[in-house]
Amino acid sequence: MLDKIHYFILRALRNMRQWPFLCSASILTMAIALATVATFFLVVVNIDQLATRWTREVQVIAYLQKPPAVQNLATLTNKLKSFPEVESVNYVSQSTAMQRFKKHLGNDAGLLDGVNKKLLPASFELGLRPAFRNQLGIATVIEQLELTLDVDDLHYGQKWLKRFNDFAQMLKFVGVILGGFLLLGALFIVSNTIKLTLYARRDELEIMALVGATMRFIKIPFVLEGAIQGLIGGLLSLAFLALSFIFIISRSLNSFWLTPTDFDLLFLTVNQQIILVLAGVVLGVLGSLSSLRRFVRI
């Protein structure tokens, strides 16, 4: 049994050595295809994580026409907290709003010296429960706010977040389409590489069949050849992906002006890395089998 395995492996490696250019083309094509698909996966995963992070900070801010009376403030706050969609309520007075504005200006805060402290409107900041951090939940809260408060203006970022989520969905779609074409191209090249090897060895294969070699005995070295090419391609794709993550993805997303400073980018987990390499092996085996079906009766 061990002798057969040793023979099959040596035969597969010999086939690869005889066709180094085509073998290298197959390996690189699989590596590029797998790395491209995995890169799109990483970008989408990190953008989804970023969108989830922003969703946690979704607030509805109701700017008031005039500040509520002090004796009514507690009643209004409790009423807003009673909304099923609302998780937290924070009242921002006019003076607090001015202090925030000065802090935001930093060294230029002196520009506000002498400005009326009641220039900015008072507001209620409403944090939403996770289940209602969506367009429908926000619309419901806004409808209730307009019936409860004398609202001058409402501010929320859900529309922009929805556009961003739509962008992430488009990336997923493009990744699936592009990845599918690349994987089909890799499958085609592997299949044709094995096919050329079979053409060159037609006489040898016929002699092997005449002297009693089974179809399985003839077929296994070529399947192993595809599997080895796929294994090398999978490992190369993982290396390509690591380099692109370090030098392209991480730099691009970290330089994105909306990315929080404490945002940690995600790379493939150990299981996902193993799946990526195994996907290369499966791709190589399928390419081998597709050509063997035409030239060797299975």
Protein backbone atom coordinates (compact mmCIF):
# COMPACT_ATOMS: atom_id res chain seq x y z
CA MET A 1 0.00 0.00 0.00
CA LEU A 2 2.80 2.41 0.93
CA ASP A 3 4.64 1.49 -2.25
CA LYS A 4 1.59 2.43 -4.32
CA ILE A 5 1.20 5.76 -2.55
CA HIS A 6 4.91 6.46 -3.06
CA TYR A 7 4.58 5.61 -6.77
CA PHE A 8 1.51 7.80 -7.24
CA ILE A 9 3.18 10.81 -5.58
CA LEU A 10 6.41 10.42 -7.59
CA ARG A 11 4.41 10.03 -10.79
CA ALA A 12 2.42 13.21 -10.07
CA LEU A 13 5.60 15.17 -9.28
CA ARG A 14 7.25 13.86 -12.45
CA ASN A 15 4.28 15.02 -14.50
CA MET A 16 4.60 18.48 -12.97
CA ARG A 17 8.34 18.64 -13.69
CA GLN A 18 7.79 17.75 -17.34
CA TRP A 19 5.41 20.70 -17.82
CA PRO A 20 6.83 23.43 -15.54
CA PHE A 21 5.37 26.40 -17.44
CA LEU A 22 1.82 25.04 -17.61
CA CYS A 23 2.04 23.79 -14.04
CA SER A 24 3.18 27.23 -12.83
CA ALA A 25 0.37 28.87 -14.81
CA SER A 26 -2.20 26.61 -13.14
CA ILE A 27 -0.83 27.26 -9.66
CA LEU A 28 -0.65 31.05 -10.12
CA THR A 29 -4.13 31.20 -11.65
CA MET A 30 -5.62 29.31 -8.72
CA ALA A 31 -3.66 31.42 -6.24
CA ILE A 32 -4.82 34.70 -7.81
CA ALA A 33 -8.43 33.51 -8.07
CA LEU A 34 -8.59 32.33 -4.46
CA ALA A 35 -6.74 35.39 -3.14
CA THR A 36 -9.09 37.75 -5.01
CA VAL A 37 -12.20 36.03 -3.66
CA ALA A 38 -10.75 35.99 -0.13
CA THR A 39 -9.77 39.68 -0.41
CA PHE A 40 -13.32 40.64 -1.31
CA PHE A 41 -14.51 38.51 1.61
CA LEU A 42 -12.18 40.33 4.02
CA VAL A 43 -13.19 43.78 2.75
CA VAL A 44 -16.89 42.98 3.07
CA VAL A 45 -16.45 41.42 6.55
CA ASN A 46 -14.59 44.49 7.83
CA ILE A 47 -17.04 46.92 6.25
CA ASP A 48 -19.92 44.97 7.82
CA GLN A 49 -18.13 45.17 11.16
CA LEU A 50 -17.66 48.91 10.68
CA ALA A 51 -21.35 49.36 9.81
CA THR A 52 -22.32 47.36 12.92
CA ARG A 53 -20.08 49.62 15.00
CA TRP A 54 -21.77 52.72 13.61
CA THR A 55 -25.19 51.18 14.15
CA ARG A 56 -24.49 51.01 17.88
CA GLU A 57 -24.06 54.77 17.88
CA VAL A 58 -27.24 55.55 15.94
CA GLN A 59 -29.13 58.30 17.74
CA VAL A 60 -32.17 60.41 17.08
CA ILE A 61 -31.56 64.00 18.13
CA ALA A 62 -34.64 66.19 18.55
CA TYR A 63 -33.84 69.92 18.52
CA LEU A 64 -36.53 71.84 20.40
CA GLN A 65 -38.19 75.10 19.44
CA LYS A 66 -37.79 76.25 23.02
CA PRO A 67 -36.39 74.62 26.18
CA PRO A 68 -38.97 72.80 28.33
CA ALA A 69 -39.85 74.22 31.72
CA VAL A 70 -37.75 72.81 34.53
CA GLN A 71 -40.78 71.30 36.26
CA ASN A 72 -41.75 69.48 33.03
CA LEU A 73 -38.29 68.14 32.20
CA ALA A 74 -38.50 64.95 34.31
CA THR A 75 -41.98 64.17 32.98
CA LEU A 76 -40.84 64.57 29.36
CA THR A 77 -37.74 62.47 29.95
CA ASN A 78 -39.74 59.64 31.50
CA LYS A 79 -42.26 59.76 28.68
CA LEU A 80 -39.49 59.47 26.09
CA LYS A 81 -37.94 56.57 28.01
CA SER A 82 -41.28 54.79 27.91
CA PHE A 83 -41.06 54.46 24.11
CA PRO A 84 -40.37 50.74 23.40
CA GLU A 85 -37.74 51.69 20.81
CA VAL A 86 -35.75 53.98 23.12
CA GLU A 87 -32.86 52.68 25.20
CA SER A 88 -31.55 55.95 26.67
CA VAL A 89 -32.54 59.61 26.85
CA ASN A 90 -30.17 62.52 27.40
CA TYR A 91 -31.31 66.12 27.69
CA VAL A 92 -28.84 68.71 26.40
CA SER A 93 -29.54 72.24 27.61
CA GLN A 94 -28.61 75.34 25.66
CA SER A 95 -25.63 76.08 27.89
CA THR A 96 -24.40 72.47 27.60
CA ALA A 97 -24.71 72.66 23.82
CA MET A 98 -22.60 75.82 23.82
CA GLN A 99 -19.96 74.16 26.01
CA ARG A 100 -19.79 71.22 23.61
CA PHE A 101 -19.43 73.61 20.70
CA LYS A 102 -16.55 75.43 22.42
CA LYS A 103 -14.84 72.13 23.15
CA HIS A 104 -15.25 71.13 19.53
CA LEU A 105 -13.60 74.38 18.38
CA GLY A 106 -10.59 73.74 20.61
CA ASN A 107 -8.06 76.58 20.34
CA ASP A 108 -10.59 78.66 18.41
CA ALA A 109 -13.12 78.63 21.26
CA GLY A 110 -12.31 82.28 21.93
CA LEU A 111 -14.33 83.17 18.86
CA LEU A 112 -17.47 82.51 20.92
CA ASP A 113 -16.58 85.00 23.66
CA GLY A 114 -19.48 87.36 24.10
CA VAL A 115 -21.88 85.14 22.16
CA ASN A 116 -25.21 84.50 23.84
CA LYS A 117 -25.03 81.16 25.67
CA LYS A 118 -28.60 80.45 24.64
CA LEU A 119 -27.88 80.77 20.95
CA LEU A 120 -27.95 77.01 20.34
CA PRO A 121 -31.20 75.06 20.80
CA ALA A 122 -31.85 72.57 23.59
CA SER A 123 -32.26 68.98 22.49
CA PHE A 124 -33.05 65.42 23.49
CA GLU A 125 -30.60 62.69 22.41
CA LEU A 126 -32.32 59.31 22.13
CA GLY A 127 -30.33 56.09 21.97
CA LEU A 128 -32.23 53.22 20.35
CA ARG A 129 -32.45 49.58 21.30
CA PRO A 130 -30.53 47.22 18.93
CA ALA A 131 -33.70 45.78 17.39
CA PHE A 132 -34.87 49.26 16.35
CA ARG A 133 -31.61 50.64 14.91
CA ASN A 134 -33.05 50.54 11.43
CA GLN A 135 -35.10 52.72 9.12
CA LEU A 136 -38.46 51.45 10.36
CA GLY A 137 -37.53 51.85 14.03
CA ILE A 138 -36.26 55.39 13.50
CA ALA A 139 -39.37 56.35 11.52
CA THR A 140 -41.54 55.14 14.41
CA VAL A 141 -39.55 57.13 16.96
CA ILE A 142 -39.69 60.28 14.84
CA GLU A 143 -43.45 59.98 14.50
CA GLN A 144 -43.83 59.74 18.29
CA LEU A 145 -41.42 62.61 18.91
CA GLU A 146 -43.40 64.94 16.67
CA LEU A 147 -46.52 64.16 18.72
CA THR A 148 -44.75 64.56 22.07
CA LEU A 149 -42.36 67.52 21.67
CA ASP A 150 -42.29 70.92 20.03
CA VAL A 151 -39.64 69.82 17.58
CA ASP A 152 -37.77 72.35 15.49
CA ASP A 153 -35.55 69.84 13.68
CA LEU A 154 -34.62 66.16 13.80
CA HIS A 155 -31.21 64.67 13.11
CA TYR A 156 -30.31 61.02 12.50
CA GLY A 157 -27.80 59.21 10.30
CA GLN A 158 -29.79 56.15 9.27
CA LYS A 159 -30.23 57.24 5.66
CA TRP A 160 -26.48 57.55 5.22
CA LEU A 161 -25.93 54.24 7.00
CA LYS A 162 -28.43 52.57 4.68
CA ARG A 163 -26.46 53.82 1.67
CA PHE A 164 -23.31 52.43 3.20
CA ASN A 165 -24.96 49.05 3.79
CA ASP A 166 -26.16 49.08 0.17
CA PHE A 167 -22.56 49.70 -0.87
CA ALA A 168 -21.45 46.68 1.19
CA GLN A 169 -24.14 44.55 -0.50
CA MET A 170 -22.88 45.70 -3.91
CA LEU A 171 -19.34 44.67 -2.92
CA LYS A 172 -20.62 41.21 -1.99
CA PHE A 173 -22.36 40.89 -5.35
CA VAL A 174 -19.28 42.01 -7.29
CA GLY A 175 -17.11 39.65 -5.23
CA VAL A 176 -19.35 36.67 -6.00
CA ILE A 177 -19.48 37.44 -9.75
CA LEU A 178 -15.77 38.21 -10.12
CA GLY A 179 -14.78 35.31 -7.88
CA GLY A 180 -16.95 32.94 -9.88
CA PHE A 181 -15.32 33.95 -13.16
CA LEU A 182 -11.83 33.67 -11.68
CA LEU A 183 -12.50 30.24 -10.20
CA LEU A 184 -13.95 29.02 -13.50
CA GLY A 185 -10.86 30.35 -15.27
CA ALA A 186 -8.59 28.55 -12.82
CA LEU A 187 -10.60 25.36 -13.27
CA PHE A 188 -10.25 25.67 -17.07
CA ILE A 189 -6.48 26.15 -16.93
CA VAL A 190 -5.93 23.24 -14.52
CA SER A 191 -8.13 21.03 -16.67
CA ASN A 192 -6.21 21.91 -19.84
CA THR A 193 -2.85 21.43 -18.14
CA ILE A 194 -3.82 17.88 -17.17
CA LYS A 195 -5.30 17.40 -20.63
CA LEU A 196 -1.98 18.24 -22.32
CA THR A 197 -0.22 15.82 -20.02
CA LEU A 198 -2.69 13.13 -21.03
CA TYR A 199 -2.14 13.89 -24.73
CA ALA A 200 1.62 13.55 -24.30
CA ARG A 201 1.22 10.24 -22.46
CA ARG A 202 -1.49 8.65 -24.59
CA ASP A 203 0.75 5.84 -25.82
CA GLU A 204 2.03 5.14 -22.30
CA LEU A 205 -1.51 5.09 -20.91
CA GLU A 206 -2.66 2.67 -23.62
CA ILE A 207 0.25 0.32 -22.87
CA MET A 208 -0.52 0.48 -19.14
CA ALA A 209 -4.14 -0.40 -19.88
CA LEU A 210 -3.10 -3.32 -22.14
CA VAL A 211 -0.85 -4.84 -19.49
CA GLY A 212 -3.66 -4.81 -16.96
CA ALA A 213 -3.49 -1.43 -15.18
CA THR A 214 -6.88 -0.43 -13.85
CA MET A 215 -8.47 2.91 -14.66
CA ARG A 216 -8.08 3.91 -11.02
CA PHE A 217 -4.34 3.14 -11.13
CA ILE A 218 -3.99 5.33 -14.23
CA LYS A 219 -6.18 8.10 -12.91
CA ILE A 220 -4.85 8.64 -9.36
CA PRO A 221 -1.48 10.27 -10.31
CA PHE A 222 -3.26 12.91 -12.38
CA VAL A 223 -5.76 13.59 -9.59
CA LEU A 224 -2.84 13.92 -7.17
CA GLU A 225 -1.15 16.29 -9.59
CA GLY A 226 -4.19 18.55 -9.54
CA ALA A 227 -4.43 18.29 -5.75
CA ILE A 228 -0.75 19.23 -5.30
CA GLN A 229 -1.13 22.18 -7.65
CA GLY A 230 -4.22 23.24 -5.73
CA LEU A 231 -2.42 22.89 -2.39
CA ILE A 232 0.46 25.08 -3.56
CA GLY A 233 -2.01 27.54 -5.10
CA GLY A 234 -3.99 27.68 -1.83
CA LEU A 235 -0.85 28.35 0.21
CA LEU A 236 0.27 31.04 -2.23
CA SER A 237 -3.18 32.64 -2.12
CA LEU A 238 -2.95 32.78 1.67
CA ALA A 239 0.45 34.49 1.38
CA PHE A 240 -0.92 36.95 -1.20
CA LEU A 241 -3.89 37.65 1.03
CA ALA A 242 -1.71 38.30 4.09
CA LEU A 243 0.44 40.75 2.11
CA SER A 244 -2.57 42.54 0.62
CA PHE A 245 -4.17 42.74 4.08
CA ILE A 246 -1.05 44.33 5.58
CA PHE A 247 -0.16 46.70 2.77
CA ILE A 248 -3.51 47.46 1.07
CA ILE A 249 -6.66 46.55 3.02
CA SER A 250 -5.54 47.67 6.48
CA ARG A 251 -4.03 50.92 5.21
CA SER A 252 -7.05 51.73 3.04
CA LEU A 253 -9.65 51.09 5.76
CA ASN A 254 -7.58 52.72 8.52
CA SER A 255 -7.18 55.85 6.40
CA PHE A 256 -10.93 55.93 5.80
CA TRP A 257 -12.04 59.12 7.53
CA LEU A 258 -15.06 57.46 9.18
CA THR A 259 -13.09 54.57 10.72
CA PRO A 260 -12.88 54.86 14.53
CA THR A 261 -9.36 55.06 15.96
CA ASP A 262 -9.94 51.96 18.13
CA PHE A 263 -11.36 49.90 15.25
CA ASP A 264 -9.62 46.51 14.92
CA LEU A 265 -9.54 44.99 11.46
CA LEU A 266 -10.37 41.30 11.10
CA PHE A 267 -8.24 38.76 9.23
CA LEU A 268 -9.18 35.20 8.36
CA THR A 269 -9.52 32.89 11.33
CA VAL A 270 -7.43 29.70 11.45
CA ASN A 271 -10.43 27.65 10.26
CA GLN A 272 -11.05 30.06 7.37
CA GLN A 273 -7.38 29.86 6.37
CA ILE A 274 -7.59 26.07 6.31
CA ILE A 275 -10.78 26.28 4.23
CA LEU A 276 -9.00 28.60 1.76
CA VAL A 277 -6.14 26.12 1.28
CA LEU A 278 -8.55 23.18 1.02
CA ALA A 279 -10.53 25.12 -1.58
CA GLY A 280 -7.38 25.18 -3.70
CA VAL A 281 -7.03 21.39 -3.34
CA VAL A 282 -10.68 20.87 -4.32
CA LEU A 283 -10.26 23.22 -7.30
CA GLY A 284 -7.23 21.27 -8.50
CA VAL A 285 -8.94 17.90 -8.10
CA LEU A 286 -12.04 19.09 -9.98
CA GLY A 287 -9.83 20.39 -12.81
CA SER A 288 -8.11 17.01 -13.05
CA LEU A 289 -11.35 15.04 -13.00
CA SER A 290 -12.92 17.22 -15.70
CA SER A 291 -10.12 16.36 -18.14
CA LEU A 292 -9.89 12.69 -17.09
CA ARG A 293 -13.56 12.17 -17.91
CA ARG A 294 -12.81 12.99 -21.53
CA PHE A 295 -9.70 10.89 -21.98
CA VAL A 296 -9.92 8.10 -19.44
CA ARG A 297 -13.05 6.07 -18.94
CA ILE A 298 -13.88 6.22 -15.20
